[in-house]
Amino acid sequence: MAKGDIDTYQQDGQWKNRPEGNERASSRHDTKAEAEAAGREMAAERGTEHVIKKQDGTIGEKNTYPRSRDPREIPG
């Protein structure tokens, strides 16, 4: 992850968002959908990547904000 990328993950029964480099989560949520929405907003505001992890900790999805920064040249 690049400096400041937002990591959405599950820990202790809660979904959390943490900017890369921080030790503590910036936000806590009861559902993954709520955490994803908050993480997406944080990443868009910062112009960074949003990494969404599955319950097992593996990466499930990555989104780059703004989209023009995405190094992949395929639509979607």
Protein backbone atom coordinates (compact mmCIF):
# COMPACT_ATOMS: atom_id res chain seq x y z
CA MET A 1 0.00 0.00 0.00
CA ALA A 2 1.15 3.52 -0.71
CA LYS A 3 1.44 6.05 2.08
CA GLY A 4 -2.02 7.03 3.27
CA ASP A 5 -3.97 4.25 1.51
CA ILE A 6 -7.14 3.24 3.37
CA ASP A 7 -7.37 -0.33 4.66
CA THR A 8 -10.85 -1.75 5.46
CA TYR A 9 -10.64 -4.91 7.59
CA GLN A 10 -12.39 -6.90 10.30
CA GLN A 11 -11.03 -7.16 13.84
CA ASP A 12 -12.68 -8.16 17.10
CA GLY A 13 -16.11 -8.50 15.47
CA GLN A 14 -16.09 -4.99 14.00
CA TRP A 15 -15.23 -3.63 10.58
CA LYS A 16 -12.63 -0.88 10.70
CA ASN A 17 -10.87 1.65 8.46
CA ARG A 18 -7.25 2.58 9.01
CA PRO A 19 -5.04 4.85 6.92
CA GLU A 20 -1.74 3.15 6.13
CA GLY A 21 0.88 4.22 8.64
CA ASN A 22 -1.58 4.66 11.53
CA GLU A 23 -1.56 2.21 14.42
CA ARG A 24 -5.23 2.65 15.28
CA ALA A 25 -8.40 2.55 13.23
CA SER A 26 -9.94 5.88 12.22
CA SER A 27 -13.48 4.48 12.19
CA ARG A 28 -15.39 1.41 13.44
CA HIS A 29 -18.58 -0.06 11.97
CA ASP A 30 -20.99 -2.91 12.68
CA THR A 31 -21.22 -4.02 9.04
CA LYS A 32 -18.78 -4.39 6.18
CA ALA A 33 -21.01 -2.26 3.93
CA GLU A 34 -20.87 0.67 6.36
CA ALA A 35 -17.09 0.35 6.66
CA GLU A 36 -16.66 0.15 2.87
CA ALA A 37 -18.72 3.31 2.34
CA ALA A 38 -16.74 5.23 4.97
CA GLY A 39 -13.42 3.90 3.63
CA ARG A 40 -14.37 4.83 0.06
CA GLU A 41 -15.14 8.38 1.17
CA MET A 42 -11.84 8.64 3.08
CA ALA A 43 -9.85 7.36 0.08
CA ALA A 44 -11.62 9.70 -2.33
CA GLU A 45 -10.94 12.70 -0.07
CA ARG A 46 -7.25 11.76 0.19
CA GLY A 47 -6.83 10.69 -3.44
CA THR A 48 -5.45 7.29 -2.43
CA GLU A 49 -6.21 3.60 -2.86
CA HIS A 50 -8.93 1.81 -0.88
CA VAL A 51 -8.01 -1.79 0.02
CA ILE A 52 -10.98 -3.89 1.18
CA LYS A 53 -10.12 -7.13 2.94
CA LYS A 54 -12.25 -10.23 3.45
CA GLN A 55 -13.02 -11.66 6.89
CA ASP A 56 -9.98 -13.94 6.60
CA GLY A 57 -7.69 -10.94 6.02
CA THR A 58 -6.97 -11.56 2.34
CA ILE A 59 -7.45 -8.72 -0.13
CA GLY A 60 -10.87 -8.86 -1.73
CA GLU A 61 -10.90 -5.60 -3.66
CA LYS A 62 -8.78 -2.54 -4.45
CA ASN A 63 -10.03 0.78 -5.78
CA THR A 64 -7.95 3.79 -6.77
CA TYR A 65 -9.20 7.37 -6.26
CA PRO A 66 -9.41 9.37 -8.39
CA ARG A 67 -9.92 6.78 -11.14
CA SER A 68 -7.55 8.69 -13.42
CA ARG A 69 -4.68 7.56 -11.13
CA ASP A 70 -5.46 3.87 -11.66
CA PRO A 71 -2.38 2.25 -13.23
CA ARG A 72 -4.53 -0.42 -14.92
CA GLU A 73 -5.79 0.61 -18.33
CA ILE A 74 -8.91 -1.53 -18.45
CA PRO A 75 -12.44 -0.26 -17.88
CA GLY A 76 -14.21 -1.19 -14.65
